[in-house]
């Protein structure tokens, strides 16, 4: 009788362990599937974020390039104008100096 109780107890115990092991394996498999799904979703979100960041970066880069081009053109025009002013000023001074250096020429210009 003791043996039968012991065998029955061992049988119930082993069945419980097997059932718990199967349930544990199912839970682990389900958790692995969920983890894979979460990782796949996170990976997709990361790709979208990276793509958006690259797009935004390209927009900023293009905007900065356009601004630099505009500023460069302005600087070239300003430099041209300044060179023109310097040349005009020097030429005017030389012509005025030439004109006033000869009193006869100055007298003739006044008469005309």
Protein backbone atom coordinates (compact mmCIF):
# COMPACT_ATOMS: atom_id res chain seq x y z
CA UNK A 1 0.00 0.00 0.00
CA UNK A 2 2.79 2.32 0.85
CA UNK A 3 4.39 1.52 -2.48
CA UNK A 4 1.21 2.25 -4.38
CA UNK A 5 0.82 5.61 -2.62
CA UNK A 6 4.42 6.37 -3.33
CA UNK A 7 4.03 5.40 -7.02
CA UNK A 8 0.82 7.42 -7.28
CA UNK A 9 2.47 10.42 -5.65
CA UNK A 10 5.47 10.15 -7.99
CA UNK A 11 3.16 9.81 -10.97
CA UNK A 12 1.16 12.89 -9.97
CA UNK A 13 4.40 14.76 -9.28
CA UNK A 14 5.91 13.78 -12.65
CA UNK A 15 2.70 14.70 -14.48
CA UNK A 16 2.70 18.08 -12.73
CA UNK A 17 6.32 18.66 -13.66
CA UNK A 18 5.69 17.67 -17.30
CA UNK A 19 2.63 19.90 -17.47
CA UNK A 20 4.52 22.81 -15.89
CA UNK A 21 7.42 22.24 -18.28
CA UNK A 22 5.09 22.26 -21.31
CA UNK A 23 3.36 25.40 -20.07
CA UNK A 24 6.75 27.01 -19.39
CA UNK A 25 7.97 26.08 -22.88
CA UNK A 26 4.79 27.56 -24.37
CA UNK A 27 5.22 30.75 -22.35
CA UNK A 28 8.86 31.03 -23.42
CA UNK A 29 7.93 30.48 -27.08
CA UNK A 30 5.15 33.06 -26.84
CA UNK A 31 7.50 35.53 -25.14
CA UNK A 32 10.10 34.97 -27.86
CA UNK A 33 7.50 35.65 -30.56
CA UNK A 34 6.43 38.84 -28.80
CA UNK A 35 10.05 39.91 -28.36
CA UNK A 36 10.73 39.33 -32.06
CA UNK A 37 7.65 41.38 -32.93
CA UNK A 38 8.72 44.19 -30.62
CA UNK A 39 12.24 44.16 -32.07
CA UNK A 40 10.88 44.19 -35.63
CA UNK A 41 8.60 47.11 -34.79
CA UNK A 42 11.42 48.99 -33.09
CA UNK A 43 13.68 48.34 -36.06
CA UNK A 44 11.07 49.70 -38.46
CA UNK A 45 10.53 52.78 -36.29
CA UNK A 46 14.28 53.33 -36.13
CA UNK A 47 14.53 53.12 -39.92
CA UNK A 48 11.73 55.67 -40.28
CA UNK A 49 13.38 57.99 -37.76
CA UNK A 50 16.73 57.66 -39.54
CA UNK A 51 15.13 58.31 -42.93
CA UNK A 52 13.34 61.39 -41.54
CA UNK A 53 16.56 62.65 -39.97
CA UNK A 54 18.44 62.19 -43.26
CA UNK A 55 15.69 64.02 -45.14
CA UNK A 56 15.68 66.90 -42.65
CA UNK A 57 19.48 67.04 -42.76
CA UNK A 58 19.40 67.25 -46.57
CA UNK A 59 16.84 70.07 -46.41
CA UNK A 60 18.97 72.01 -43.93
CA UNK A 61 22.10 71.41 -46.02
CA UNK A 62 20.39 72.61 -49.20
CA UNK A 63 19.01 75.66 -47.41
CA UNK A 64 22.46 76.52 -46.07
CA UNK A 65 23.98 76.07 -49.54
CA UNK A 66 21.39 78.42 -51.02
CA UNK A 67 22.11 81.01 -48.32
CA UNK A 68 25.86 80.71 -48.83
CA UNK A 69 25.41 81.14 -52.59
CA UNK A 70 23.30 84.25 -52.06
CA UNK A 71 25.78 85.74 -49.58
CA UNK A 72 28.67 84.96 -51.93
CA UNK A 73 26.92 86.74 -54.80
CA UNK A 74 26.21 89.73 -52.57
CA UNK A 75 29.85 89.87 -51.46
CA UNK A 76 31.04 89.74 -55.07
CA UNK A 77 28.68 92.58 -56.04
CA UNK A 78 29.76 94.67 -53.04
CA UNK A 79 33.42 94.08 -53.89
CA UNK A 80 32.85 95.05 -57.54
CA UNK A 81 31.08 98.24 -56.44
CA UNK A 82 33.89 99.12 -54.03
CA UNK A 83 36.52 98.56 -56.73
CA UNK A 84 34.50 100.71 -59.12
CA UNK A 85 34.25 103.47 -56.50
CA UNK A 86 38.00 103.39 -55.83
CA UNK A 87 38.83 103.53 -59.54
CA UNK A 88 36.34 106.35 -60.15
CA UNK A 89 37.63 108.33 -57.20
CA UNK A 90 41.29 107.96 -58.21
CA UNK A 91 40.55 108.76 -61.84
CA UNK A 92 38.53 111.84 -60.83
CA UNK A 93 41.36 113.04 -58.58
CA UNK A 94 43.93 112.57 -61.34
CA UNK A 95 41.78 114.35 -63.91
CA UNK A 96 41.08 117.19 -61.49
CA UNK A 97 44.78 117.44 -60.64
CA UNK A 98 45.64 117.52 -64.34
CA UNK A 99 43.01 120.11 -65.10
CA UNK A 100 44.03 122.43 -62.27
CA UNK A 101 47.75 122.00 -62.87
CA UNK A 102 47.65 123.97 -66.14
CA UNK A 103 46.25 127.48 -65.50
CA UNK A 104 45.87 128.12 -69.19
CA UNK A 105 43.70 124.99 -69.59
CA UNK A 106 41.64 126.03 -66.58
CA UNK A 107 41.20 129.53 -68.05
CA UNK A 108 40.05 128.10 -71.39
CA UNK A 109 37.58 125.78 -69.70
CA UNK A 110 36.08 128.69 -67.80
CA UNK A 111 35.69 130.71 -70.92
CA UNK A 112 33.89 127.92 -72.71
